[in-house]
mmCIF file of all heavy atoms, coordinates in Angstrom:
data_MODEL
# 
_entry.id   MODEL 
# 
loop_
_atom_site.group_PDB 
_atom_site.id 
_atom_site.type_symbol 
_atom_site.label_atom_id 
_atom_site.label_alt_id 
_atom_site.label_comp_id 
_atom_site.label_asym_id 
_atom_site.label_entity_id 
_atom_site.label_seq_id 
_atom_site.pdbx_PDB_ins_code 
_atom_site.Cartn_x 
_atom_site.Cartn_y 
_atom_site.Cartn_z 
_atom_site.occupancy 
_atom_site.B_iso_or_equiv 
_atom_site.pdbx_formal_charge 
_atom_site.auth_seq_id 
_atom_site.auth_comp_id 
_atom_site.auth_asym_id 
_atom_site.auth_atom_id 
_atom_site.pdbx_PDB_model_num 
ATOM 1   N N   . PHE A 1 1  ? 8.835   -13.005 -19.941 1.00 0.00 ? 1  PHE A N   1 
ATOM 2   C CA  . PHE A 1 1  ? 7.554   -13.378 -19.597 1.00 0.00 ? 1  PHE A CA  1 
ATOM 3   C C   . PHE A 1 1  ? 6.571   -12.518 -20.460 1.00 0.00 ? 1  PHE A C   1 
ATOM 4   O O   . PHE A 1 1  ? 6.530   -11.267 -20.422 1.00 0.00 ? 1  PHE A O   1 
ATOM 5   C CB  . PHE A 1 1  ? 7.229   -13.066 -18.166 1.00 0.00 ? 1  PHE A CB  1 
ATOM 6   C CG  . PHE A 1 1  ? 8.042   -13.824 -17.138 1.00 0.00 ? 1  PHE A CG  1 
ATOM 7   C CD1 . PHE A 1 1  ? 9.284   -13.331 -16.685 1.00 0.00 ? 1  PHE A CD1 1 
ATOM 8   C CD2 . PHE A 1 1  ? 7.567   -15.027 -16.672 1.00 0.00 ? 1  PHE A CD2 1 
ATOM 9   C CE1 . PHE A 1 1  ? 9.981   -13.995 -15.746 1.00 0.00 ? 1  PHE A CE1 1 
ATOM 10  C CE2 . PHE A 1 1  ? 8.404   -15.743 -15.769 1.00 0.00 ? 1  PHE A CE2 1 
ATOM 11  C CZ  . PHE A 1 1  ? 9.610   -15.253 -15.334 1.00 0.00 ? 1  PHE A CZ  1 
ATOM 12  N N   . PHE A 1 2  ? 5.659   -13.176 -21.270 1.00 0.00 ? 2  PHE A N   1 
ATOM 13  C CA  . PHE A 1 2  ? 4.670   -12.537 -21.910 1.00 0.00 ? 2  PHE A CA  1 
ATOM 14  C C   . PHE A 1 2  ? 3.309   -13.336 -21.764 1.00 0.00 ? 2  PHE A C   1 
ATOM 15  O O   . PHE A 1 2  ? 3.396   -14.525 -21.609 1.00 0.00 ? 2  PHE A O   1 
ATOM 16  C CB  . PHE A 1 2  ? 4.972   -12.275 -23.421 1.00 0.00 ? 2  PHE A CB  1 
ATOM 17  C CG  . PHE A 1 2  ? 5.070   -13.506 -24.260 1.00 0.00 ? 2  PHE A CG  1 
ATOM 18  C CD1 . PHE A 1 2  ? 4.231   -13.785 -25.251 1.00 0.00 ? 2  PHE A CD1 1 
ATOM 19  C CD2 . PHE A 1 2  ? 6.286   -14.303 -24.185 1.00 0.00 ? 2  PHE A CD2 1 
ATOM 20  C CE1 . PHE A 1 2  ? 4.393   -14.929 -26.097 1.00 0.00 ? 2  PHE A CE1 1 
ATOM 21  C CE2 . PHE A 1 2  ? 6.443   -15.417 -24.965 1.00 0.00 ? 2  PHE A CE2 1 
ATOM 22  C CZ  . PHE A 1 2  ? 5.521   -15.674 -25.962 1.00 0.00 ? 2  PHE A CZ  1 
ATOM 23  N N   . GLY A 1 3  ? 2.246   -12.668 -21.731 1.00 0.00 ? 3  GLY A N   1 
ATOM 24  C CA  . GLY A 1 3  ? 0.962   -13.304 -21.376 1.00 0.00 ? 3  GLY A CA  1 
ATOM 25  C C   . GLY A 1 3  ? -0.099  -13.124 -22.542 1.00 0.00 ? 3  GLY A C   1 
ATOM 26  O O   . GLY A 1 3  ? -0.113  -12.245 -23.278 1.00 0.00 ? 3  GLY A O   1 
ATOM 27  N N   . GLU A 1 4  ? -1.041  -14.030 -22.411 1.00 0.00 ? 4  GLU A N   1 
ATOM 28  C CA  . GLU A 1 4  ? -2.249  -13.969 -23.151 1.00 0.00 ? 4  GLU A CA  1 
ATOM 29  C C   . GLU A 1 4  ? -3.300  -13.255 -22.313 1.00 0.00 ? 4  GLU A C   1 
ATOM 30  O O   . GLU A 1 4  ? -3.662  -13.664 -21.246 1.00 0.00 ? 4  GLU A O   1 
ATOM 31  C CB  . GLU A 1 4  ? -2.777  -15.364 -23.463 1.00 0.00 ? 4  GLU A CB  1 
ATOM 32  C CG  . GLU A 1 4  ? -4.120  -15.331 -24.172 1.00 0.00 ? 4  GLU A CG  1 
ATOM 33  C CD  . GLU A 1 4  ? -4.983  -16.580 -23.948 1.00 0.00 ? 4  GLU A CD  1 
ATOM 34  O OE1 . GLU A 1 4  ? -4.926  -17.164 -22.945 1.00 0.00 ? 4  GLU A OE1 1 
ATOM 35  O OE2 . GLU A 1 4  ? -5.787  -16.914 -25.032 1.00 0.00 ? 4  GLU A OE2 1 
ATOM 36  N N   . LEU A 1 5  ? -3.713  -12.042 -22.772 1.00 0.00 ? 5  LEU A N   1 
ATOM 37  C CA  . LEU A 1 5  ? -4.604  -11.139 -21.986 1.00 0.00 ? 5  LEU A CA  1 
ATOM 38  C C   . LEU A 1 5  ? -5.573  -10.524 -23.036 1.00 0.00 ? 5  LEU A C   1 
ATOM 39  O O   . LEU A 1 5  ? -5.291  -9.623  -23.698 1.00 0.00 ? 5  LEU A O   1 
ATOM 40  C CB  . LEU A 1 5  ? -3.821  -10.123 -21.169 1.00 0.00 ? 5  LEU A CB  1 
ATOM 41  C CG  . LEU A 1 5  ? -4.484  -9.583  -20.002 1.00 0.00 ? 5  LEU A CG  1 
ATOM 42  C CD1 . LEU A 1 5  ? -3.526  -8.672  -19.192 1.00 0.00 ? 5  LEU A CD1 1 
ATOM 43  C CD2 . LEU A 1 5  ? -5.744  -8.787  -20.376 1.00 0.00 ? 5  LEU A CD2 1 
ATOM 44  N N   . VAL A 1 6  ? -6.651  -11.081 -23.080 1.00 0.00 ? 6  VAL A N   1 
ATOM 45  C CA  . VAL A 1 6  ? -7.867  -10.551 -23.982 1.00 0.00 ? 6  VAL A CA  1 
ATOM 46  C C   . VAL A 1 6  ? -8.694  -9.573  -23.208 1.00 0.00 ? 6  VAL A C   1 
ATOM 47  O O   . VAL A 1 6  ? -9.486  -10.062 -22.325 1.00 0.00 ? 6  VAL A O   1 
ATOM 48  C CB  . VAL A 1 6  ? -8.641  -11.763 -24.644 1.00 0.00 ? 6  VAL A CB  1 
ATOM 49  C CG1 . VAL A 1 6  ? -9.558  -11.157 -25.647 1.00 0.00 ? 6  VAL A CG1 1 
ATOM 50  C CG2 . VAL A 1 6  ? -7.761  -12.774 -25.237 1.00 0.00 ? 6  VAL A CG2 1 
ATOM 51  N N   . GLY A 1 7  ? -8.521  -8.297  -23.520 1.00 0.00 ? 7  GLY A N   1 
ATOM 52  C CA  . GLY A 1 7  ? -9.271  -7.328  -22.725 1.00 0.00 ? 7  GLY A CA  1 
ATOM 53  C C   . GLY A 1 7  ? -8.852  -5.983  -23.104 1.00 0.00 ? 7  GLY A C   1 
ATOM 54  O O   . GLY A 1 7  ? -7.937  -5.782  -23.935 1.00 0.00 ? 7  GLY A O   1 
ATOM 55  N N   . PRO A 1 8  ? -9.408  -4.948  -22.425 1.00 0.00 ? 8  PRO A N   1 
ATOM 56  C CA  . PRO A 1 8  ? -9.130  -3.501  -22.773 1.00 0.00 ? 8  PRO A CA  1 
ATOM 57  C C   . PRO A 1 8  ? -7.556  -3.236  -22.396 1.00 0.00 ? 8  PRO A C   1 
ATOM 58  O O   . PRO A 1 8  ? -6.990  -3.916  -21.439 1.00 0.00 ? 8  PRO A O   1 
ATOM 59  C CB  . PRO A 1 8  ? -10.041 -2.791  -21.949 1.00 0.00 ? 8  PRO A CB  1 
ATOM 60  C CG  . PRO A 1 8  ? -10.351 -3.638  -20.710 1.00 0.00 ? 8  PRO A CG  1 
ATOM 61  C CD  . PRO A 1 8  ? -10.410 -5.036  -21.386 1.00 0.00 ? 8  PRO A CD  1 
ATOM 62  N N   . GLU A 1 9  ? -7.003  -2.298  -23.180 1.00 0.00 ? 9  GLU A N   1 
ATOM 63  C CA  . GLU A 1 9  ? -5.621  -2.088  -22.995 1.00 0.00 ? 9  GLU A CA  1 
ATOM 64  C C   . GLU A 1 9  ? -5.305  -1.614  -21.677 1.00 0.00 ? 9  GLU A C   1 
ATOM 65  O O   . GLU A 1 9  ? -4.142  -1.882  -21.136 1.00 0.00 ? 9  GLU A O   1 
ATOM 66  C CB  . GLU A 1 9  ? -5.174  -1.086  -23.973 1.00 0.00 ? 9  GLU A CB  1 
ATOM 67  C CG  . GLU A 1 9  ? -3.613  -0.841  -24.010 1.00 0.00 ? 9  GLU A CG  1 
ATOM 68  C CD  . GLU A 1 9  ? -3.061  -0.317  -25.325 1.00 0.00 ? 9  GLU A CD  1 
ATOM 69  O OE1 . GLU A 1 9  ? -3.794  -0.184  -26.208 1.00 0.00 ? 9  GLU A OE1 1 
ATOM 70  O OE2 . GLU A 1 9  ? -1.867  -0.256  -25.293 1.00 0.00 ? 9  GLU A OE2 1 
ATOM 71  N N   . ASN A 1 10 ? -6.122  -0.776  -20.955 1.00 0.00 ? 10 ASN A N   1 
ATOM 72  C CA  . ASN A 1 10 ? -5.734  -0.341  -19.563 1.00 0.00 ? 10 ASN A CA  1 
ATOM 73  C C   . ASN A 1 10 ? -5.538  -1.475  -18.629 1.00 0.00 ? 10 ASN A C   1 
ATOM 74  O O   . ASN A 1 10 ? -4.859  -1.332  -17.583 1.00 0.00 ? 10 ASN A O   1 
ATOM 75  C CB  . ASN A 1 10 ? -6.731  0.646   -19.175 1.00 0.00 ? 10 ASN A CB  1 
ATOM 76  C CG  . ASN A 1 10 ? -8.203  0.140   -19.098 1.00 0.00 ? 10 ASN A CG  1 
ATOM 77  O OD1 . ASN A 1 10 ? -8.438  -1.060  -19.271 1.00 0.00 ? 10 ASN A OD1 1 
ATOM 78  N ND2 . ASN A 1 10 ? -9.112  0.963   -18.723 1.00 0.00 ? 10 ASN A ND2 1 
ATOM 79  N N   . LEU A 1 11 ? -6.137  -2.741  -18.979 1.00 0.00 ? 11 LEU A N   1 
ATOM 80  C CA  . LEU A 1 11 ? -5.876  -3.817  -18.075 1.00 0.00 ? 11 LEU A CA  1 
ATOM 81  C C   . LEU A 1 11 ? -4.474  -4.376  -18.092 1.00 0.00 ? 11 LEU A C   1 
ATOM 82  O O   . LEU A 1 11 ? -3.922  -4.929  -17.230 1.00 0.00 ? 11 LEU A O   1 
ATOM 83  C CB  . LEU A 1 11 ? -6.859  -5.012  -18.548 1.00 0.00 ? 11 LEU A CB  1 
ATOM 84  C CG  . LEU A 1 11 ? -6.948  -6.238  -17.635 1.00 0.00 ? 11 LEU A CG  1 
ATOM 85  C CD1 . LEU A 1 11 ? -7.512  -5.844  -16.333 1.00 0.00 ? 11 LEU A CD1 1 
ATOM 86  C CD2 . LEU A 1 11 ? -7.923  -7.272  -18.279 1.00 0.00 ? 11 LEU A CD2 1 
ATOM 87  N N   . TYR A 1 12 ? -3.774  -4.049  -19.374 1.00 0.00 ? 12 TYR A N   1 
ATOM 88  C CA  . TYR A 1 12 ? -2.434  -4.575  -19.429 1.00 0.00 ? 12 TYR A CA  1 
ATOM 89  C C   . TYR A 1 12 ? -1.582  -3.841  -18.344 1.00 0.00 ? 12 TYR A C   1 
ATOM 90  O O   . TYR A 1 12 ? -0.599  -4.486  -17.885 1.00 0.00 ? 12 TYR A O   1 
ATOM 91  C CB  . TYR A 1 12 ? -1.877  -4.100  -20.814 1.00 0.00 ? 12 TYR A CB  1 
ATOM 92  C CG  . TYR A 1 12 ? -2.480  -4.748  -22.015 1.00 0.00 ? 12 TYR A CG  1 
ATOM 93  C CD1 . TYR A 1 12 ? -2.227  -4.425  -23.273 1.00 0.00 ? 12 TYR A CD1 1 
ATOM 94  C CD2 . TYR A 1 12 ? -3.570  -5.630  -21.887 1.00 0.00 ? 12 TYR A CD2 1 
ATOM 95  C CE1 . TYR A 1 12 ? -2.807  -5.010  -24.397 1.00 0.00 ? 12 TYR A CE1 1 
ATOM 96  C CE2 . TYR A 1 12 ? -4.183  -6.348  -22.894 1.00 0.00 ? 12 TYR A CE2 1 
ATOM 97  C CZ  . TYR A 1 12 ? -3.817  -5.931  -24.235 1.00 0.00 ? 12 TYR A CZ  1 
ATOM 98  O OH  . TYR A 1 12 ? -4.472  -6.472  -25.277 1.00 0.00 ? 12 TYR A OH  1 
ATOM 99  N N   . ASN A 1 13 ? -1.808  -2.663  -18.035 1.00 0.00 ? 13 ASN A N   1 
ATOM 100 C CA  . ASN A 1 13 ? -0.952  -1.955  -17.144 1.00 0.00 ? 13 ASN A CA  1 
ATOM 101 C C   . ASN A 1 13 ? -0.910  -2.625  -15.764 1.00 0.00 ? 13 ASN A C   1 
ATOM 102 O O   . ASN A 1 13 ? 0.074   -2.447  -15.014 1.00 0.00 ? 13 ASN A O   1 
ATOM 103 C CB  . ASN A 1 13 ? -1.518  -0.512  -16.961 1.00 0.00 ? 13 ASN A CB  1 
ATOM 104 C CG  . ASN A 1 13 ? -1.534  0.301   -18.158 1.00 0.00 ? 13 ASN A CG  1 
ATOM 105 O OD1 . ASN A 1 13 ? -0.972  0.004   -19.173 1.00 0.00 ? 13 ASN A OD1 1 
ATOM 106 N ND2 . ASN A 1 13 ? -2.336  1.287   -18.255 1.00 0.00 ? 13 ASN A ND2 1 
ATOM 107 N N   . ASN A 1 14 ? -1.872  -3.415  -15.372 1.00 0.00 ? 14 ASN A N   1 
ATOM 108 C CA  . ASN A 1 14 ? -2.041  -4.053  -14.103 1.00 0.00 ? 14 ASN A CA  1 
ATOM 109 C C   . ASN A 1 14 ? -1.027  -5.277  -13.977 1.00 0.00 ? 14 ASN A C   1 
ATOM 110 O O   . ASN A 1 14 ? -0.734  -5.736  -12.942 1.00 0.00 ? 14 ASN A O   1 
ATOM 111 C CB  . ASN A 1 14 ? -3.413  -4.559  -13.788 1.00 0.00 ? 14 ASN A CB  1 
ATOM 112 C CG  . ASN A 1 14 ? -4.287  -3.313  -13.576 1.00 0.00 ? 14 ASN A CG  1 
ATOM 113 O OD1 . ASN A 1 14 ? -3.893  -2.203  -13.380 1.00 0.00 ? 14 ASN A OD1 1 
ATOM 114 N ND2 . ASN A 1 14 ? -5.609  -3.604  -13.738 1.00 0.00 ? 14 ASN A ND2 1 
ATOM 115 N N   . TYR A 1 15 ? -0.584  -5.767  -15.225 1.00 0.00 ? 15 TYR A N   1 
ATOM 116 C CA  . TYR A 1 15 ? 0.160   -6.938  -15.187 1.00 0.00 ? 15 TYR A CA  1 
ATOM 117 C C   . TYR A 1 15 ? 1.582   -6.760  -15.725 1.00 0.00 ? 15 TYR A C   1 
ATOM 118 O O   . TYR A 1 15 ? 2.515   -7.636  -15.474 1.00 0.00 ? 15 TYR A O   1 
ATOM 119 C CB  . TYR A 1 15 ? -0.503  -8.004  -16.158 1.00 0.00 ? 15 TYR A CB  1 
ATOM 120 C CG  . TYR A 1 15 ? -1.859  -8.507  -15.565 1.00 0.00 ? 15 TYR A CG  1 
ATOM 121 C CD1 . TYR A 1 15 ? -3.081  -7.919  -15.895 1.00 0.00 ? 15 TYR A CD1 1 
ATOM 122 C CD2 . TYR A 1 15 ? -1.876  -9.698  -14.807 1.00 0.00 ? 15 TYR A CD2 1 
ATOM 123 C CE1 . TYR A 1 15 ? -4.259  -8.325  -15.428 1.00 0.00 ? 15 TYR A CE1 1 
ATOM 124 C CE2 . TYR A 1 15 ? -3.013  -10.185 -14.302 1.00 0.00 ? 15 TYR A CE2 1 
ATOM 125 C CZ  . TYR A 1 15 ? -4.279  -9.482  -14.646 1.00 0.00 ? 15 TYR A CZ  1 
ATOM 126 O OH  . TYR A 1 15 ? -5.411  -9.976  -14.178 1.00 0.00 ? 15 TYR A OH  1 
ATOM 127 N N   . ILE A 1 16 ? 1.871   -5.745  -16.458 1.00 0.00 ? 16 ILE A N   1 
ATOM 128 C CA  . ILE A 1 16 ? 3.178   -5.534  -17.076 1.00 0.00 ? 16 ILE A CA  1 
ATOM 129 C C   . ILE A 1 16 ? 3.985   -4.564  -16.163 1.00 0.00 ? 16 ILE A C   1 
ATOM 130 O O   . ILE A 1 16 ? 3.505   -3.448  -15.761 1.00 0.00 ? 16 ILE A O   1 
ATOM 131 C CB  . ILE A 1 16 ? 3.132   -4.923  -18.454 1.00 0.00 ? 16 ILE A CB  1 
ATOM 132 C CG1 . ILE A 1 16 ? 2.220   -5.848  -19.386 1.00 0.00 ? 16 ILE A CG1 1 
ATOM 133 C CG2 . ILE A 1 16 ? 4.434   -4.633  -19.025 1.00 0.00 ? 16 ILE A CG2 1 
ATOM 134 C CD1 . ILE A 1 16 ? 2.061   -5.314  -20.741 1.00 0.00 ? 16 ILE A CD1 1 
ATOM 135 N N   . GLY A 1 17 ? 5.274   -4.951  -15.955 1.00 0.00 ? 17 GLY A N   1 
ATOM 136 C CA  . GLY A 1 17 ? 6.097   -3.948  -15.333 1.00 0.00 ? 17 GLY A CA  1 
ATOM 137 C C   . GLY A 1 17 ? 6.130   -3.901  -13.787 1.00 0.00 ? 17 GLY A C   1 
ATOM 138 O O   . GLY A 1 17 ? 5.405   -4.809  -13.248 1.00 0.00 ? 17 GLY A O   1 
ATOM 139 N N   . PRO A 1 18 ? 6.773   -2.903  -13.204 1.00 0.00 ? 18 PRO A N   1 
ATOM 140 C CA  . PRO A 1 18 ? 6.933   -2.908  -11.655 1.00 0.00 ? 18 PRO A CA  1 
ATOM 141 C C   . PRO A 1 18 ? 5.757   -2.277  -10.983 1.00 0.00 ? 18 PRO A C   1 
ATOM 142 O O   . PRO A 1 18 ? 5.755   -2.294  -9.681  1.00 0.00 ? 18 PRO A O   1 
ATOM 143 C CB  . PRO A 1 18 ? 8.146   -2.105  -11.593 1.00 0.00 ? 18 PRO A CB  1 
ATOM 144 C CG  . PRO A 1 18 ? 8.114   -1.068  -12.684 1.00 0.00 ? 18 PRO A CG  1 
ATOM 145 C CD  . PRO A 1 18 ? 7.606   -1.944  -13.854 1.00 0.00 ? 18 PRO A CD  1 
ATOM 146 N N   . LYS A 1 19 ? 4.795   -1.749  -11.692 1.00 0.00 ? 19 LYS A N   1 
ATOM 147 C CA  . LYS A 1 19 ? 3.656   -1.083  -10.970 1.00 0.00 ? 19 LYS A CA  1 
ATOM 148 C C   . LYS A 1 19 ? 2.473   -2.004  -10.727 1.00 0.00 ? 19 LYS A C   1 
ATOM 149 O O   . LYS A 1 19 ? 1.331   -1.518  -10.812 1.00 0.00 ? 19 LYS A O   1 
ATOM 150 C CB  . LYS A 1 19 ? 3.256   0.152   -11.748 1.00 0.00 ? 19 LYS A CB  1 
ATOM 151 C CG  . LYS A 1 19 ? 4.331   1.218   -11.899 1.00 0.00 ? 19 LYS A CG  1 
ATOM 152 C CD  . LYS A 1 19 ? 3.987   2.497   -12.742 1.00 0.00 ? 19 LYS A CD  1 
ATOM 153 C CE  . LYS A 1 19 ? 5.088   3.385   -12.811 1.00 0.00 ? 19 LYS A CE  1 
ATOM 154 N NZ  . LYS A 1 19 ? 4.659   4.582   -13.522 1.00 0.00 ? 19 LYS A NZ  1 
ATOM 155 N N   . THR A 1 20 ? 2.717   -3.305  -10.516 1.00 0.00 ? 20 THR A N   1 
ATOM 156 C CA  . THR A 1 20 ? 1.614   -4.161  -10.143 1.00 0.00 ? 20 THR A CA  1 
ATOM 157 C C   . THR A 1 20 ? 1.252   -4.066  -8.653  1.00 0.00 ? 20 THR A C   1 
ATOM 158 O O   . THR A 1 20 ? 2.053   -3.763  -7.882  1.00 0.00 ? 20 THR A O   1 
ATOM 159 C CB  . THR A 1 20 ? 2.029   -5.545  -10.452 1.00 0.00 ? 20 THR A CB  1 
ATOM 160 O OG1 . THR A 1 20 ? 3.317   -5.819  -9.904  1.00 0.00 ? 20 THR A OG1 1 
ATOM 161 C CG2 . THR A 1 20 ? 2.112   -5.820  -11.987 1.00 0.00 ? 20 THR A CG2 1 
ATOM 162 N N   . PRO A 1 21 ? -0.025  -4.254  -8.293  1.00 0.00 ? 21 PRO A N   1 
ATOM 163 C CA  . PRO A 1 21 ? -0.543  -4.158  -6.884  1.00 0.00 ? 21 PRO A CA  1 
ATOM 164 C C   . PRO A 1 21 ? 0.232   -5.108  -6.116  1.00 0.00 ? 21 PRO A C   1 
ATOM 165 O O   . PRO A 1 21 ? 0.764   -6.163  -6.381  1.00 0.00 ? 21 PRO A O   1 
ATOM 166 C CB  . PRO A 1 21 ? -1.939  -4.488  -7.012  1.00 0.00 ? 21 PRO A CB  1 
ATOM 167 C CG  . PRO A 1 21 ? -2.331  -4.332  -8.467  1.00 0.00 ? 21 PRO A CG  1 
ATOM 168 C CD  . PRO A 1 21 ? -1.060  -4.772  -9.231  1.00 0.00 ? 21 PRO A CD  1 
ATOM 169 N N   . VAL A 1 22 ? 0.360   -4.743  -4.777  1.00 0.00 ? 22 VAL A N   1 
ATOM 170 C CA  . VAL A 1 22 ? 0.836   -5.618  -3.726  1.00 0.00 ? 22 VAL A CA  1 
ATOM 171 C C   . VAL A 1 22 ? -0.153  -5.896  -2.681  1.00 0.00 ? 22 VAL A C   1 
ATOM 172 O O   . VAL A 1 22 ? -1.089  -5.070  -2.450  1.00 0.00 ? 22 VAL A O   1 
ATOM 173 C CB  . VAL A 1 22 ? 2.066   -4.987  -2.990  1.00 0.00 ? 22 VAL A CB  1 
ATOM 174 C CG1 . VAL A 1 22 ? 3.222   -4.855  -4.080  1.00 0.00 ? 22 VAL A CG1 1 
ATOM 175 C CG2 . VAL A 1 22 ? 1.833   -3.659  -2.450  1.00 0.00 ? 22 VAL A CG2 1 
ATOM 176 N N   . ALA A 1 23 ? -0.019  -7.054  -2.047  1.00 0.00 ? 23 ALA A N   1 
ATOM 177 C CA  . ALA A 1 23 ? -1.023  -7.464  -1.082  1.00 0.00 ? 23 ALA A CA  1 
ATOM 178 C C   . ALA A 1 23 ? -0.866  -6.680  0.276   1.00 0.00 ? 23 ALA A C   1 
ATOM 179 O O   . ALA A 1 23 ? 0.225   -6.075  0.444   1.00 0.00 ? 23 ALA A O   1 
ATOM 180 C CB  . ALA A 1 23 ? -0.953  -8.920  -0.856  1.00 0.00 ? 23 ALA A CB  1 
ATOM 181 N N   . VAL A 1 24 ? -1.869  -6.721  1.101   1.00 0.00 ? 24 VAL A N   1 
ATOM 182 C CA  . VAL A 1 24 ? -1.821  -6.091  2.428   1.00 0.00 ? 24 VAL A CA  1 
ATOM 183 C C   . VAL A 1 24 ? -0.582  -6.757  3.156   1.00 0.00 ? 24 VAL A C   1 
ATOM 184 O O   . VAL A 1 24 ? -0.447  -7.967  3.118   1.00 0.00 ? 24 VAL A O   1 
ATOM 185 C CB  . VAL A 1 24 ? -3.189  -6.262  3.106   1.00 0.00 ? 24 VAL A CB  1 
ATOM 186 C CG1 . VAL A 1 24 ? -2.973  -5.664  4.521   1.00 0.00 ? 24 VAL A CG1 1 
ATOM 187 C CG2 . VAL A 1 24 ? -4.242  -5.487  2.332   1.00 0.00 ? 24 VAL A CG2 1 
ATOM 188 N N   . ASN A 1 25 ? 0.138   -5.947  3.835   1.00 0.00 ? 25 ASN A N   1 
ATOM 189 C CA  . ASN A 1 25 ? 1.279   -6.349  4.712   1.00 0.00 ? 25 ASN A CA  1 
ATOM 190 C C   . ASN A 1 25 ? 2.385   -7.067  3.861   1.00 0.00 ? 25 ASN A C   1 
ATOM 191 O O   . ASN A 1 25 ? 3.253   -7.670  4.478   1.00 0.00 ? 25 ASN A O   1 
ATOM 192 C CB  . ASN A 1 25 ? 0.841   -7.385  5.748   1.00 0.00 ? 25 ASN A CB  1 
ATOM 193 C CG  . ASN A 1 25 ? -0.165  -6.803  6.728   1.00 0.00 ? 25 ASN A CG  1 
ATOM 194 O OD1 . ASN A 1 25 ? -0.108  -5.627  7.083   1.00 0.00 ? 25 ASN A OD1 1 
ATOM 195 N ND2 . ASN A 1 25 ? -1.199  -7.567  7.114   1.00 0.00 ? 25 ASN A ND2 1 
ATOM 196 N N   . ASP A 1 26 ? 2.414   -6.845  2.563   1.00 0.00 ? 26 ASP A N   1 
ATOM 197 C CA  . ASP A 1 26 ? 3.483   -7.267  1.701   1.00 0.00 ? 26 ASP A CA  1 
ATOM 198 C C   . ASP A 1 26 ? 4.224   -6.160  1.070   1.00 0.00 ? 26 ASP A C   1 
ATOM 199 O O   . ASP A 1 26 ? 3.657   -5.403  0.385   1.00 0.00 ? 26 ASP A O   1 
ATOM 200 C CB  . ASP A 1 26 ? 2.902   -8.222  0.528   1.00 0.00 ? 26 ASP A CB  1 
ATOM 201 C CG  . ASP A 1 26 ? 4.014   -8.901  -0.294  1.00 0.00 ? 26 ASP A CG  1 
ATOM 202 O OD1 . ASP A 1 26 ? 5.139   -8.459  -0.149  1.00 0.00 ? 26 ASP A OD1 1 
ATOM 203 O OD2 . ASP A 1 26 ? 3.670   -9.890  -0.950  1.00 0.00 ? 26 ASP A OD2 1 
ATOM 204 N N   . LYS A 1 27 ? 5.378   -5.967  1.522   1.00 0.00 ? 27 LYS A N   1 
ATOM 205 C CA  . LYS A 1 27 ? 6.196   -4.716  1.143   1.00 0.00 ? 27 LYS A CA  1 
ATOM 206 C C   . LYS A 1 27 ? 7.069   -4.978  0.004   1.00 0.00 ? 27 LYS A C   1 
ATOM 207 O O   . LYS A 1 27 ? 7.820   -4.027  -0.398  1.00 0.00 ? 27 LYS A O   1 
ATOM 208 C CB  . LYS A 1 27 ? 7.013   -4.189  2.373   1.00 0.00 ? 27 LYS A CB  1 
ATOM 209 C CG  . LYS A 1 27 ? 6.193   -3.937  3.670   1.00 0.00 ? 27 LYS A CG  1 
ATOM 210 C CD  . LYS A 1 27 ? 5.153   -2.895  3.303   1.00 0.00 ? 27 LYS A CD  1 
ATOM 211 C CE  . LYS A 1 27 ? 4.376   -2.632  4.680   1.00 0.00 ? 27 LYS A CE  1 
ATOM 212 N NZ  . LYS A 1 27 ? 3.269   -1.674  4.541   1.00 0.00 ? 27 LYS A NZ  1 
ATOM 213 N N   . THR A 1 28 ? 6.996   -6.078  -0.569  1.00 0.00 ? 28 THR A N   1 
ATOM 214 C CA  . THR A 1 28 ? 7.863   -6.457  -1.799  1.00 0.00 ? 28 THR A CA  1 
ATOM 215 C C   . THR A 1 28 ? 7.425   -5.623  -3.045  1.00 0.00 ? 28 THR A C   1 
ATOM 216 O O   . THR A 1 28 ? 6.164   -5.514  -3.296  1.00 0.00 ? 28 THR A O   1 
ATOM 217 C CB  . THR A 1 28 ? 7.783   -7.898  -2.005  1.00 0.00 ? 28 THR A CB  1 
ATOM 218 O OG1 . THR A 1 28 ? 8.156   -8.597  -0.871  1.00 0.00 ? 28 THR A OG1 1 
ATOM 219 C CG2 . THR A 1 28 ? 8.779   -8.270  -3.222  1.00 0.00 ? 28 THR A CG2 1 
ATOM 220 N N   . ILE A 1 29 ? 8.322   -5.156  -3.780  1.00 0.00 ? 29 ILE A N   1 
ATOM 221 C CA  . ILE A 1 29 ? 8.094   -4.572  -5.078  1.00 0.00 ? 29 ILE A CA  1 
ATOM 222 C C   . ILE A 1 29 ? 8.157   -5.662  -6.113  1.00 0.00 ? 29 ILE A C   1 
ATOM 223 O O   . ILE A 1 29 ? 9.267   -6.195  -6.275  1.00 0.00 ? 29 ILE A O   1 
ATOM 224 C CB  . ILE A 1 29 ? 8.946   -3.393  -5.449  1.00 0.00 ? 29 ILE A CB  1 
ATOM 225 C CG1 . ILE A 1 29 ? 8.743   -2.213  -4.506  1.00 0.00 ? 29 ILE A CG1 1 
ATOM 226 C CG2 . ILE A 1 29 ? 8.671   -2.885  -6.855  1.00 0.00 ? 29 ILE A CG2 1 
ATOM 227 C CD1 . ILE A 1 29 ? 9.690   -1.080  -4.608  1.00 0.00 ? 29 ILE A CD1 1 
# 
């Protein structure tokens, strides 16, 4: 999976890999 993401590099961290945010009451990684 690779994405088109035009923005600052720190924004990439939110979408790549296992450290993406999880929703409230959602315990899935």
